[in-house]
Amino acid sequence: MRSLVPRQRRCAVYTRKSSEEGLEQDFNSLHAQRDACEAYINSQRHDGWTALSTVYDDGGYSGGSMDRPALKQLLADVETGSVDIVVVYKVDRLTRSLADFAKIVDVFDAASVSFVSVTQQFNTTSSMGRLTLNVLLSFAQFERELTGERIRDKITASKKKGMWMGGWVPLGYDRMDRTLKVNDLEAQTVRTIFDLFLKFKNVRNVQNELARLDLRTKPYSIQRGRAIGNLPFARGHIYKILSNPLYLGEIVHKGARHPGQHPALISPTTWDAVQAQLSANGHKRRSRSNAKSPNLLIGLMYDDAGNRLASSHTSKNGKRYRYYATPNRRGRSLSSEEPDQLRVPAAQADDIVLGRLYDFLTESAQISSFLGSGYRVAEIRAAIRTAKQLAQVIASEHSERKMAIVSDLVSRVIVGKTSLKINLSSSQLCIALSNNASEPPSPHGEERDISLEVPFVGTARAGSTKFLIDDYRRPQADSVLVKAIARARSWFEQLRTGKAQSMAQIAARENITDNYVSNLIHLAWLPPKQVQQILDGDPAATVLGRNKMRTRTVAPLWADS
């Protein structure tokens, strides 16, 4: 006899609000959504519906992205079978993107989870229900894009009128009714920075003088009584102040400068003189071909024993090769004949560090994770935008500001046995992520260096350790090895189909030796996984493939790889 007791169906309530405005209230939009959803679940109690106690609330997160903590937790619980029904107030609370909705529904379908919207009646298990959802989400996505366009148009129009549109208040000013007013004490610090640069004509000397005068960055009070800022000036921060038209009384938007409504701190004469000196410094550095130590990471490279690597070079056929090498007891780099020497190609190492730093700065999730929770969405977005601007400077040609950014952010690069570890200074990253010459939030948790790692393959050669570091940004396949694999597969196919009766026949046909064919044909039996790694430019797989060209050894079974 069939039981009359309905099967229990566990219901997860998901709520979301795009902005943080009003979330501090005792009863806010998230509470209202939850109450409506729980009331609907109670009305379905006769079907066994029960609301889970777990709270899935995303306050201050846009529906245009799936990078939301509560949504991630919900999807994880769905995949583990902890949820039977997902209940939302409206479909656009779950997502405003059709592409994201398709991904979410796939997760729901795989776990046999139903989806219910309290204010819009439909069933995702039917094709008509899916059509209804797609139509609703099309309008939700259109509304989001239209709202974004209106906000961007408003910001553009406001900045053209010279209005300051918010963000971290720059050094030298205070916020007053959404405008900037001069902070006399800080304004004097800004003027001092400009005057010192005209005096020394060098940012490093300006930094040293500011430290001697004990002049510091702007202090801020943030949520929960925390204070940030009030730090010594970094070189990158000084460059930002010296090149910020805000201090000339202008507002910049998309490369265009507009007269601002705030007072200027610097005269046009001082501004022009500083910009001319900055340009001259950049030209001098670019044209200085006889530099004694042009290596970007000089003073930052260490081995895993803590020994700092010195700059070194060799010349061959009129070409100069730069290295970071283990110094001897007198502090000079060892020669290439010295045993147990650590010698890293400088140009390759510089490029790898720049590439990894570029990837870190352009990865929004990593920047958001570094800053941590407890900050306004607008503040985190501003820091992410600034990080991407810094990445563009790093990706540009050699410049003084590029060197300053690397010098400020990178505290140490450690060459290990199988990887290159790049340590970034948290405090300097905070300053570098500043917007309009001010500081962003301090890092989440206690301050500590950020560690980025890049693997490499090392080979011993001529009494020294030489590192073959894979190009982190643009890995390229070994064209010679790829061509050899293609020829080997073609020859094997000829033998398999009877188009060639022997390797000798193939050799005669292609005017090569039998031994060459015999050596190369073994590459036809490389495991597919290793072939793909070679095509992807993986250095370890490439080295193994090159060895197989000489040794005729391959994995006996593809499954072994």
Protein backbone atom coordinates (compact mmCIF):
# COMPACT_ATOMS: atom_id res chain seq x y z
CA MET A 1 0.00 0.00 0.00
CA ARG A 2 1.37 3.43 -0.99
CA SER A 3 2.28 5.72 1.94
CA LEU A 4 0.14 8.86 2.33
CA VAL A 5 3.00 10.73 4.03
CA PRO A 6 4.67 13.07 1.47
CA ARG A 7 8.41 12.82 0.95
CA GLN A 8 10.32 15.58 2.71
CA ARG A 9 11.71 18.15 0.27
CA ARG A 10 14.50 20.36 1.59
CA CYS A 11 14.17 23.96 0.39
CA ALA A 12 17.09 26.41 0.22
CA VAL A 13 16.16 30.10 0.16
CA TYR A 14 18.53 32.33 -1.82
CA THR A 15 18.40 36.14 -1.50
CA ARG A 16 20.46 38.90 -3.12
CA LYS A 17 20.71 42.69 -3.16
CA SER A 18 22.96 44.55 -5.63
CA SER A 19 23.95 47.44 -3.37
CA GLU A 20 24.91 47.63 0.30
CA GLU A 21 22.61 50.59 0.90
CA GLY A 22 20.13 49.78 3.69
CA LEU A 23 21.73 46.47 4.70
CA GLU A 24 22.57 47.92 8.12
CA GLN A 25 18.84 48.22 8.91
CA ASP A 26 17.19 45.74 11.29
CA PHE A 27 14.80 44.69 8.52
CA ASN A 28 16.19 45.07 5.02
CA SER A 29 15.50 43.78 1.52
CA LEU A 30 17.19 40.44 2.18
CA HIS A 31 14.93 39.83 5.18
CA ALA A 32 11.86 40.76 3.12
CA GLN A 33 12.84 38.32 0.36
CA ARG A 34 13.49 35.55 2.89
CA ASP A 35 10.14 36.09 4.65
CA ALA A 36 8.24 35.89 1.34
CA CYS A 37 10.08 32.70 0.33
CA GLU A 38 9.57 31.02 3.72
CA ALA A 39 5.86 31.93 3.64
CA TYR A 40 5.59 30.25 0.23
CA ILE A 41 7.42 27.16 1.53
CA ASN A 42 5.01 26.96 4.49
CA SER A 43 2.09 27.06 2.05
CA GLN A 44 3.52 23.93 0.40
CA ARG A 45 4.07 22.07 3.65
CA HIS A 46 1.42 19.52 2.66
CA ASP A 47 3.81 18.41 -0.12
CA GLY A 48 6.65 17.92 2.37
CA TRP A 49 8.41 21.25 1.74
CA THR A 50 10.72 22.30 4.61
CA ALA A 51 12.96 25.38 4.73
CA LEU A 52 16.62 24.71 5.51
CA SER A 53 18.20 26.69 8.33
CA THR A 54 21.27 27.53 6.23
CA VAL A 55 21.24 31.19 5.16
CA TYR A 56 22.22 31.96 1.55
CA ASP A 57 22.35 35.78 1.51
CA ASP A 58 24.44 37.86 -0.93
CA GLY A 59 24.27 41.49 0.14
CA GLY A 60 26.07 43.98 -2.10
CA TYR A 61 26.70 41.62 -5.04
CA SER A 62 25.68 42.16 -8.66
CA GLY A 63 23.53 39.60 -10.44
CA GLY A 64 25.71 39.93 -13.52
CA SER A 65 28.43 37.69 -12.06
CA MET A 66 28.54 34.27 -10.40
CA ASP A 67 31.40 35.36 -8.15
CA ARG A 68 29.19 35.49 -5.04
CA PRO A 69 30.00 33.64 -1.79
CA ALA A 70 26.44 32.58 -0.90
CA LEU A 71 25.70 31.44 -4.47
CA LYS A 72 28.89 29.38 -4.52
CA GLN A 73 27.91 27.77 -1.22
CA LEU A 74 24.41 27.05 -2.54
CA LEU A 75 25.72 25.37 -5.70
CA ALA A 76 28.18 23.33 -3.61
CA ASP A 77 25.35 22.14 -1.36
CA VAL A 78 23.25 21.30 -4.42
CA GLU A 79 26.06 19.15 -5.82
CA THR A 80 26.44 17.27 -2.52
CA GLY A 81 22.72 16.44 -2.48
CA SER A 82 21.83 18.63 0.52
CA VAL A 83 19.09 20.55 -1.34
CA ASP A 84 15.95 19.42 -3.18
CA ILE A 85 14.39 22.78 -4.15
CA VAL A 86 15.90 26.25 -4.58
CA VAL A 87 13.46 29.07 -3.79
CA VAL A 88 13.99 32.72 -4.78
CA TYR A 89 11.79 35.81 -4.61
CA LYS A 90 12.35 36.65 -8.30
CA VAL A 91 14.43 35.02 -11.03
CA ASP A 92 16.76 38.02 -11.30
CA ARG A 93 17.76 37.50 -7.65
CA LEU A 94 19.53 34.32 -8.77
CA THR A 95 21.17 35.84 -11.87
CA ARG A 96 20.68 38.50 -14.53
CA SER A 97 22.80 36.72 -17.12
CA LEU A 98 21.43 34.14 -19.56
CA ALA A 99 24.83 32.46 -19.85
CA ASP A 100 25.16 32.15 -16.06
CA PHE A 101 21.58 30.91 -15.77
CA ALA A 102 22.31 28.09 -18.22
CA LYS A 103 25.27 27.00 -16.07
CA ILE A 104 23.22 27.14 -12.88
CA VAL A 105 20.34 25.14 -14.38
CA ASP A 106 22.82 22.49 -15.56
CA VAL A 107 23.99 22.10 -11.94
CA PHE A 108 20.38 21.88 -10.76
CA ASP A 109 19.47 19.30 -13.42
CA ALA A 110 22.49 17.12 -12.64
CA ALA A 111 21.39 16.96 -9.00
CA SER A 112 17.64 16.66 -9.82
CA VAL A 113 16.96 19.93 -7.99
CA SER A 114 13.86 22.00 -8.78
CA PHE A 115 13.85 25.79 -9.02
CA VAL A 116 10.97 27.99 -7.85
CA SER A 117 10.36 31.74 -8.03
CA VAL A 118 7.77 32.97 -5.53
CA THR A 119 6.45 35.83 -7.69
CA GLN A 120 6.72 34.07 -11.07
CA GLN A 121 5.02 30.68 -11.36
CA PHE A 122 6.83 28.15 -13.59
CA ASN A 123 8.46 24.74 -13.50
CA THR A 124 12.01 24.24 -14.79
CA THR A 125 11.39 20.58 -15.57
CA SER A 126 9.23 21.45 -18.61
CA SER A 127 10.29 23.02 -21.90
CA MET A 128 7.61 25.72 -21.51
CA GLY A 129 8.96 26.55 -18.07
CA ARG A 130 12.47 26.93 -19.49
CA LEU A 131 11.16 29.18 -22.26
CA THR A 132 9.41 31.37 -19.70
CA LEU A 133 12.60 31.61 -17.68
CA ASN A 134 14.69 32.52 -20.73
CA VAL A 135 12.27 35.31 -21.68
CA LEU A 136 12.29 36.70 -18.14
CA LEU A 137 16.07 36.55 -17.94
CA SER A 138 16.43 38.23 -21.34
CA PHE A 139 14.56 41.23 -19.96
CA ALA A 140 16.54 41.09 -16.70
CA GLN A 141 19.83 41.12 -18.64
CA PHE A 142 18.57 43.95 -20.86
CA GLU A 143 17.58 45.95 -17.76
CA ARG A 144 21.02 45.41 -16.20
CA GLU A 145 22.85 46.49 -19.36
CA LEU A 146 20.57 49.52 -19.77
CA THR A 147 21.15 50.56 -16.15
CA GLY A 148 24.91 50.20 -16.64
CA GLU A 149 24.80 52.40 -19.74
CA ARG A 150 22.85 55.07 -17.88
CA ILE A 151 25.32 55.06 -14.98
CA ARG A 152 28.29 55.29 -17.35
CA ASP A 153 26.65 58.14 -19.26
CA LYS A 154 25.98 59.98 -16.00
CA ILE A 155 29.60 59.57 -14.86
CA THR A 156 30.88 60.78 -18.24
CA ALA A 157 28.62 63.85 -18.21
CA SER A 158 29.52 64.66 -14.60
CA LYS A 159 33.27 64.38 -15.19
CA LYS A 160 33.02 66.57 -18.29
CA LYS A 161 31.57 69.21 -15.96
CA GLY A 162 34.60 68.77 -13.70
CA MET A 163 32.81 66.95 -10.89
CA TRP A 164 34.69 64.52 -8.66
CA MET A 165 32.72 61.26 -8.74
CA GLY A 166 33.89 59.69 -5.50
CA GLY A 167 36.35 56.97 -4.57
CA TRP A 168 39.26 57.19 -2.16
CA VAL A 169 39.85 60.82 -1.24
CA PRO A 170 43.26 61.89 -2.63
CA LEU A 171 46.08 63.24 -0.50
CA GLY A 172 45.69 67.00 -0.07
CA TYR A 173 41.89 67.01 -0.01
CA ASP A 174 38.93 66.13 2.21
CA ARG A 175 35.45 65.06 1.14
CA MET A 176 32.67 67.61 1.66
CA ASP A 177 29.17 67.06 0.23
CA ARG A 178 30.49 64.90 -2.65
CA THR A 179 33.08 67.54 -3.55
CA LEU A 180 36.73 68.07 -2.64
CA LYS A 181 37.96 70.79 -0.31
CA VAL A 182 41.62 71.50 0.42
CA ASN A 183 43.25 69.93 3.49
CA ASP A 184 45.89 72.58 4.21
CA LEU A 185 48.34 70.26 6.02
CA GLU A 186 48.21 67.54 3.37
CA ALA A 187 48.26 70.10 0.56
CA GLN A 188 51.61 71.29 1.85
CA THR A 189 52.90 67.70 1.65
CA VAL A 190 51.80 67.50 -2.00
CA ARG A 191 53.54 70.79 -2.83
CA THR A 192 56.66 69.55 -1.03
CA ILE A 193 56.72 66.43 -3.22
CA PHE A 194 56.55 68.52 -6.40
CA ASP A 195 59.22 70.96 -5.15
CA LEU A 196 61.56 68.14 -4.08
CA PHE A 197 61.27 66.48 -7.47
CA LEU A 198 62.23 69.71 -9.24
CA LYS A 199 65.16 70.02 -6.83
CA PHE A 200 66.50 66.45 -7.01
CA LYS A 201 65.11 65.51 -10.47
CA ASN A 202 64.99 61.92 -9.18
CA VAL A 203 62.14 60.06 -7.47
CA ARG A 204 64.42 57.87 -5.36
CA ASN A 205 66.02 60.95 -3.77
CA VAL A 206 62.56 62.43 -3.22
CA GLN A 207 61.52 59.23 -1.44
CA ASN A 208 64.57 59.39 0.83
CA GLU A 209 63.96 63.05 1.68
CA LEU A 210 60.28 62.42 2.47
CA ALA A 211 61.35 59.63 4.82
CA ARG A 212 63.84 61.98 6.50
CA LEU A 213 61.11 64.60 6.94
CA ASP A 214 58.75 61.86 8.23
CA LEU A 215 56.05 62.83 5.72
CA ARG A 216 53.54 60.02 5.24
CA THR A 217 50.57 58.99 3.13
CA LYS A 218 46.99 59.98 3.88
CA PRO A 219 45.41 58.23 6.92
CA TYR A 220 41.91 56.75 6.64
CA SER A 221 39.32 55.49 9.09
CA ILE A 222 37.31 52.57 7.75
CA GLN A 223 34.68 50.17 9.03
CA ARG A 224 34.72 48.76 12.56
CA GLY A 225 37.11 51.45 13.78
CA ARG A 226 40.07 50.26 11.71
CA ALA A 227 42.64 52.76 10.46
CA ILE A 228 44.80 52.41 7.35
CA GLY A 229 47.30 54.57 5.50
CA ASN A 230 49.81 56.81 7.29
CA LEU A 231 52.68 54.87 5.66
CA PRO A 232 56.03 55.98 4.20
CA PHE A 233 55.79 56.99 0.54
CA ALA A 234 56.71 54.34 -2.04
CA ARG A 235 58.27 55.30 -5.36
CA GLY A 236 55.20 54.20 -7.30
CA HIS A 237 52.98 56.37 -5.10
CA ILE A 238 55.23 59.39 -5.68
CA TYR A 239 55.08 58.85 -9.46
CA LYS A 240 51.29 58.70 -9.23
CA ILE A 241 51.11 62.01 -7.36
CA LEU A 242 53.53 63.72 -9.76
CA SER A 243 51.51 62.63 -12.80
CA ASN A 244 47.98 63.17 -11.42
CA PRO A 245 46.24 66.14 -13.18
CA LEU A 246 43.85 66.30 -10.22
CA TYR A 247 46.42 68.49 -8.45
CA LEU A 248 46.32 70.91 -11.39
CA GLY A 249 42.58 71.31 -10.79
CA GLU A 250 41.49 68.96 -13.57
CA ILE A 251 39.38 65.79 -13.83
CA VAL A 252 40.47 62.99 -16.17
CA HIS A 253 38.03 60.65 -17.90
CA LYS A 254 39.07 58.12 -20.55
CA GLY A 255 42.25 60.03 -21.32
CA ALA A 256 40.52 63.41 -21.71
CA ARG A 257 41.18 66.20 -19.18
CA HIS A 258 38.42 68.58 -18.10
CA PRO A 259 38.54 71.70 -15.86
CA GLY A 260 37.57 70.56 -12.36
CA GLN A 261 35.29 72.18 -9.80
CA HIS A 262 37.86 71.60 -7.02
CA PRO A 263 40.77 73.96 -6.19
CA ALA A 264 44.20 73.26 -7.70
CA LEU A 265 47.17 72.62 -5.40
CA ILE A 266 49.91 73.09 -8.03
CA SER A 267 50.48 75.99 -10.41
CA PRO A 268 50.55 75.33 -14.18
CA THR A 269 54.22 76.39 -14.26
CA THR A 270 55.21 73.81 -11.62
CA TRP A 271 53.11 71.13 -13.31
CA ASP A 272 54.69 71.71 -16.74
CA ALA A 273 58.21 71.67 -15.27
CA VAL A 274 57.57 68.39 -13.44
CA GLN A 275 56.06 66.70 -16.52
CA ALA A 276 59.01 67.82 -18.64
CA GLN A 277 61.46 66.37 -16.09
CA LEU A 278 59.54 63.09 -15.90
CA SER A 279 59.63 62.83 -19.68
CA ALA A 280 63.36 63.63 -19.74
CA ASN A 281 64.05 60.98 -17.09
CA GLY A 282 62.16 58.39 -19.10
CA HIS A 283 64.04 59.25 -22.29
CA LYS A 284 67.37 59.12 -20.47
CA ARG A 285 66.61 55.65 -19.12
CA ARG A 286 65.40 54.34 -22.48
CA SER A 287 68.49 55.60 -24.31
CA ARG A 288 71.04 54.50 -21.72
CA SER A 289 72.52 51.50 -23.53
CA ASN A 290 75.75 51.42 -21.50
CA ALA A 291 74.06 50.81 -18.15
CA LYS A 292 76.27 48.77 -15.83
CA SER A 293 73.37 46.70 -14.48
CA PRO A 294 70.22 46.84 -16.64
CA ASN A 295 68.69 43.74 -15.00
CA LEU A 296 65.19 44.49 -13.75
CA LEU A 297 65.41 42.25 -10.67
CA ILE A 298 68.90 43.16 -9.50
CA GLY A 299 68.99 43.08 -5.70
CA LEU A 300 65.75 41.05 -5.54
CA MET A 301 66.94 37.60 -6.70
CA TYR A 302 67.92 34.99 -4.06
CA ASP A 303 68.62 31.27 -4.02
CA ASP A 304 66.72 28.96 -1.65
CA ALA A 305 69.55 29.24 0.91
CA GLY A 306 68.98 32.99 1.22
CA ASN A 307 72.02 34.09 -0.80
CA ARG A 308 71.43 37.11 -3.00
CA LEU A 309 72.27 36.58 -6.68
CA ALA A 310 74.58 39.06 -8.40
CA SER A 311 74.38 40.45 -11.91
CA SER A 312 76.58 38.63 -14.43
CA HIS A 313 77.04 38.45 -18.17
CA THR A 314 78.91 36.59 -20.89
CA SER A 315 79.57 37.47 -24.53
CA LYS A 316 79.48 35.12 -27.49
CA ASN A 317 79.75 36.03 -31.16
CA GLY A 318 79.34 39.67 -30.27
CA LYS A 319 76.10 39.08 -28.35
CA ARG A 320 75.79 39.78 -24.63
CA TYR A 321 73.94 37.31 -22.38
CA ARG A 322 72.80 38.53 -18.94
CA TYR A 323 72.40 36.31 -15.86
CA TYR A 324 71.61 36.34 -12.17
CA ALA A 325 74.38 34.20 -10.67
CA THR A 326 75.65 32.95 -7.32
CA PRO A 327 78.34 35.34 -6.02
CA ASN A 328 81.66 34.10 -4.69
CA ARG A 329 83.00 34.99 -1.27
CA ARG A 330 84.25 38.35 -2.53
CA GLY A 331 80.77 39.26 -3.65
CA ARG A 332 81.44 38.90 -7.37
CA SER A 333 79.48 36.51 -9.55
CA LEU A 334 81.13 33.19 -10.29
CA SER A 335 82.43 32.35 -13.71
CA SER A 336 80.69 29.78 -15.85
CA GLU A 337 83.42 27.24 -15.06
CA GLU A 338 82.69 27.23 -11.31
CA PRO A 339 80.97 24.06 -10.02
CA ASP A 340 77.55 24.12 -8.36
CA GLN A 341 76.80 27.56 -9.71
CA LEU A 342 73.25 28.84 -9.83
CA ARG A 343 72.91 30.86 -13.00
CA VAL A 344 69.54 32.13 -14.22
CA PRO A 345 69.02 33.82 -17.62
CA ALA A 346 68.14 37.40 -16.63
CA ALA A 347 65.97 38.31 -19.62
CA GLN A 348 63.87 35.17 -19.19
CA ALA A 349 63.55 35.58 -15.42
CA ASP A 350 62.55 39.24 -15.80
CA ASP A 351 59.89 38.31 -18.34
CA ILE A 352 58.52 35.50 -16.17
CA VAL A 353 58.22 37.73 -13.10
CA LEU A 354 56.53 40.47 -15.13
CA GLY A 355 54.14 37.93 -16.68
CA ARG A 356 53.15 36.42 -13.33
CA LEU A 357 52.72 39.87 -11.79
CA TYR A 358 50.59 40.92 -14.79
CA ASP A 359 48.36 37.87 -14.38
CA PHE A 360 47.94 38.55 -10.66
CA LEU A 361 46.95 42.19 -11.19
CA THR A 362 44.46 41.36 -13.96
CA GLU A 363 42.75 38.57 -11.96
CA SER A 364 39.83 40.31 -10.20
CA ALA A 365 39.18 37.38 -7.87
CA GLN A 366 42.74 37.45 -6.53
CA ILE A 367 42.64 41.21 -5.90
CA SER A 368 39.27 40.88 -4.16
CA SER A 369 40.57 37.99 -2.04
CA PHE A 370 43.65 40.01 -1.09
CA LEU A 371 41.55 42.94 0.13
CA GLY A 372 39.19 40.64 2.04
CA SER A 373 35.63 41.27 3.20
CA GLY A 374 34.19 44.18 5.10
CA TYR A 375 34.55 46.84 2.41
CA ARG A 376 32.10 48.49 0.05
CA VAL A 377 31.72 46.92 -3.37
CA ALA A 378 32.57 50.24 -5.02
CA GLU A 379 35.86 50.41 -3.11
CA ILE A 380 36.91 46.92 -4.18
CA ARG A 381 35.93 47.62 -7.79
CA ALA A 382 38.03 50.80 -7.76
CA ALA A 383 41.04 48.82 -6.52
CA ILE A 384 40.48 46.18 -9.24
CA ARG A 385 40.38 48.89 -11.94
CA THR A 386 43.61 50.40 -10.62
CA ALA A 387 45.26 46.95 -10.57
CA LYS A 388 44.45 46.51 -14.26
CA GLN A 389 45.92 49.94 -15.02
CA LEU A 390 49.14 48.93 -13.24
CA ALA A 391 49.17 45.72 -15.29
CA GLN A 392 49.05 47.75 -18.50
CA VAL A 393 52.10 49.73 -17.37
CA ILE A 394 53.91 46.47 -16.62
CA ALA A 395 53.02 45.12 -20.07
CA SER A 396 54.32 48.27 -21.78
CA GLU A 397 57.82 48.92 -23.04
CA HIS A 398 60.69 49.66 -20.66
CA SER A 399 59.92 52.75 -18.57
CA GLU A 400 60.98 54.31 -15.30
CA ARG A 401 57.51 53.89 -13.81
CA LYS A 402 57.47 50.22 -14.78
CA MET A 403 60.75 49.69 -12.91
CA ALA A 404 59.39 51.64 -9.94
CA ILE A 405 56.26 49.45 -9.75
CA VAL A 406 58.33 46.25 -9.78
CA SER A 407 60.77 47.68 -7.22
CA ASP A 408 57.90 48.64 -4.90
CA LEU A 409 55.75 45.51 -5.22
CA VAL A 410 58.35 42.72 -5.42
CA SER A 411 60.12 42.19 -2.11
CA ARG A 412 62.06 39.06 -3.12
CA VAL A 413 62.33 36.45 -5.90
CA ILE A 414 63.54 33.04 -4.67
CA VAL A 415 64.98 30.51 -7.12
CA GLY A 416 64.18 27.05 -5.77
CA LYS A 417 64.87 23.59 -7.17
CA THR A 418 61.80 23.42 -9.36
CA SER A 419 60.07 26.79 -9.12
CA LEU A 420 60.51 30.53 -9.00
CA LYS A 421 58.78 32.08 -5.96
CA ILE A 422 57.80 35.76 -6.23
CA ASN A 423 57.05 37.51 -2.93
CA LEU A 424 54.95 40.70 -3.08
CA SER A 425 54.80 43.25 -0.26
CA SER A 426 51.23 43.56 1.06
CA SER A 427 51.69 47.11 2.32
CA GLN A 428 53.21 48.32 -0.95
CA LEU A 429 50.48 46.57 -2.94
CA CYS A 430 47.90 48.47 -0.89
CA ILE A 431 49.56 51.74 -1.84
CA ALA A 432 49.91 50.72 -5.49
CA LEU A 433 46.20 49.85 -5.66
CA SER A 434 45.36 53.38 -4.59
CA ASN A 435 43.04 55.41 -6.75
CA ASN A 436 43.62 59.12 -7.39
CA ALA A 437 46.82 59.07 -5.33
CA SER A 438 45.23 57.63 -2.21
CA GLU A 439 45.36 54.32 -0.39
CA PRO A 440 42.89 51.42 -0.79
CA PRO A 441 41.83 49.11 2.05
CA SER A 442 44.52 47.27 3.95
CA PRO A 443 44.88 43.54 3.22
CA HIS A 444 42.61 41.00 4.85
CA GLY A 445 44.03 39.57 8.08
CA GLU A 446 47.50 40.31 9.41
CA GLU A 447 49.97 41.76 6.94
CA ARG A 448 52.20 39.25 5.18
CA ASP A 449 53.87 38.87 1.81
CA ILE A 450 51.90 37.38 -1.07
CA SER A 451 53.67 34.44 -2.68
CA LEU A 452 53.32 33.68 -6.41
CA GLU A 453 54.99 30.60 -7.88
CA VAL A 454 56.11 29.68 -11.39
CA PRO A 455 57.48 26.16 -12.11
CA PHE A 456 60.49 25.60 -14.35
CA VAL A 457 62.74 22.81 -15.64
CA GLY A 458 66.48 22.91 -14.81
CA THR A 459 69.33 21.26 -16.69
CA ALA A 460 73.03 21.02 -15.85
CA ARG A 461 75.42 22.35 -18.44
CA ALA A 462 79.13 23.26 -18.48
CA GLY A 463 79.57 23.02 -14.72
CA SER A 464 76.72 25.40 -13.95
CA THR A 465 73.02 25.08 -13.35
CA LYS A 466 71.11 26.67 -16.17
CA PHE A 467 67.35 27.08 -15.93
CA LEU A 468 64.93 26.59 -18.78
CA ILE A 469 62.04 28.69 -17.53
CA ASP A 470 58.81 28.27 -19.40
CA ASP A 471 57.30 31.49 -20.76
CA TYR A 472 54.45 31.89 -18.29
CA ARG A 473 52.33 34.10 -20.51
CA ARG A 474 52.94 32.71 -23.97
CA PRO A 475 54.10 29.06 -23.90
CA GLN A 476 55.22 27.93 -27.35
CA ALA A 477 55.67 24.44 -28.67
CA ASP A 478 59.05 23.15 -29.86
CA SER A 479 58.51 23.35 -33.63
CA VAL A 480 61.27 20.82 -34.41
CA LEU A 481 59.82 18.25 -32.00
CA VAL A 482 56.26 18.82 -33.24
CA LYS A 483 57.38 18.32 -36.85
CA ALA A 484 59.22 15.14 -35.86
CA ILE A 485 56.10 13.73 -34.16
CA ALA A 486 54.01 14.52 -37.25
CA ARG A 487 56.51 12.75 -39.54
CA ALA A 488 56.69 9.75 -37.20
CA ARG A 489 52.91 9.37 -37.18
CA SER A 490 52.79 9.68 -40.97
CA TRP A 491 55.43 6.96 -41.37
CA PHE A 492 53.69 4.66 -38.90
CA GLU A 493 50.40 5.14 -40.78
CA GLN A 494 52.13 4.21 -44.06
CA LEU A 495 53.46 1.00 -42.48
CA ARG A 496 50.09 0.18 -40.91
CA THR A 497 48.11 0.62 -44.14
CA GLY A 498 50.69 -1.07 -46.37
CA LYS A 499 51.63 2.08 -48.31
CA ALA A 500 55.20 1.37 -47.23
CA GLN A 501 56.58 -2.14 -46.73
CA SER A 502 59.51 -1.20 -44.49
CA MET A 503 61.34 1.67 -42.83
CA ALA A 504 64.04 1.27 -45.48
CA GLN A 505 61.46 1.98 -48.17
CA ILE A 506 60.34 5.14 -46.32
CA ALA A 507 63.97 6.27 -45.99
CA ALA A 508 64.64 5.73 -49.68
CA ARG A 509 61.45 7.56 -50.65
CA GLU A 510 62.32 10.64 -48.52
CA ASN A 511 66.08 10.54 -49.22
CA ILE A 512 67.06 10.06 -45.56
CA THR A 513 68.90 7.31 -43.68
CA ASP A 514 67.29 4.15 -42.30
CA ASN A 515 68.72 4.98 -38.88
CA TYR A 516 67.00 8.39 -38.86
CA VAL A 517 63.62 6.81 -39.59
CA SER A 518 64.24 4.14 -36.94
CA ASN A 519 65.05 6.81 -34.33
CA LEU A 520 62.11 9.06 -35.16
CA ILE A 521 59.29 6.57 -35.68
CA HIS A 522 59.17 5.81 -31.96
CA LEU A 523 57.61 9.25 -31.47
CA ALA A 524 54.44 7.92 -33.12
CA TRP A 525 53.79 5.92 -29.95
CA LEU A 526 53.99 8.81 -27.51
CA PRO A 527 50.94 8.88 -25.20
CA PRO A 528 48.27 11.36 -26.36
CA LYS A 529 48.50 13.23 -23.05
CA GLN A 530 52.21 13.89 -23.53
CA VAL A 531 51.70 14.95 -27.15
CA GLN A 532 49.13 17.50 -26.01
CA GLN A 533 51.53 18.79 -23.35
CA ILE A 534 54.23 19.20 -26.02
CA LEU A 535 51.78 21.11 -28.24
CA ASP A 536 50.94 23.33 -25.25
CA GLY A 537 54.63 24.13 -24.82
CA ASP A 538 55.05 22.31 -21.51
CA PRO A 539 58.83 22.37 -20.83
CA ALA A 540 58.98 19.04 -18.95
CA ALA A 541 57.10 17.16 -21.68
CA THR A 542 59.28 18.82 -24.33
CA VAL A 543 62.50 17.70 -22.62
CA LEU A 544 61.18 14.11 -22.36
CA GLY A 545 60.14 14.18 -26.01
CA ARG A 546 63.57 15.37 -27.09
CA ASN A 547 65.15 12.56 -25.07
CA LYS A 548 62.92 9.98 -26.77
CA MET A 549 64.17 11.18 -30.16
CA ARG A 550 67.62 10.01 -29.11
CA THR A 551 66.94 7.00 -26.84
CA ARG A 552 64.06 5.30 -28.69
CA THR A 553 62.29 4.69 -25.34
CA VAL A 554 58.58 5.25 -24.99
CA ALA A 555 55.93 4.36 -22.43
CA PRO A 556 54.86 0.73 -22.98
CA LEU A 557 51.21 1.61 -22.46
CA TRP A 558 49.37 4.89 -22.98
CA ALA A 559 47.51 4.24 -19.74
CA ASP A 560 50.83 4.51 -17.86
CA SER A 561 50.91 8.21 -18.68
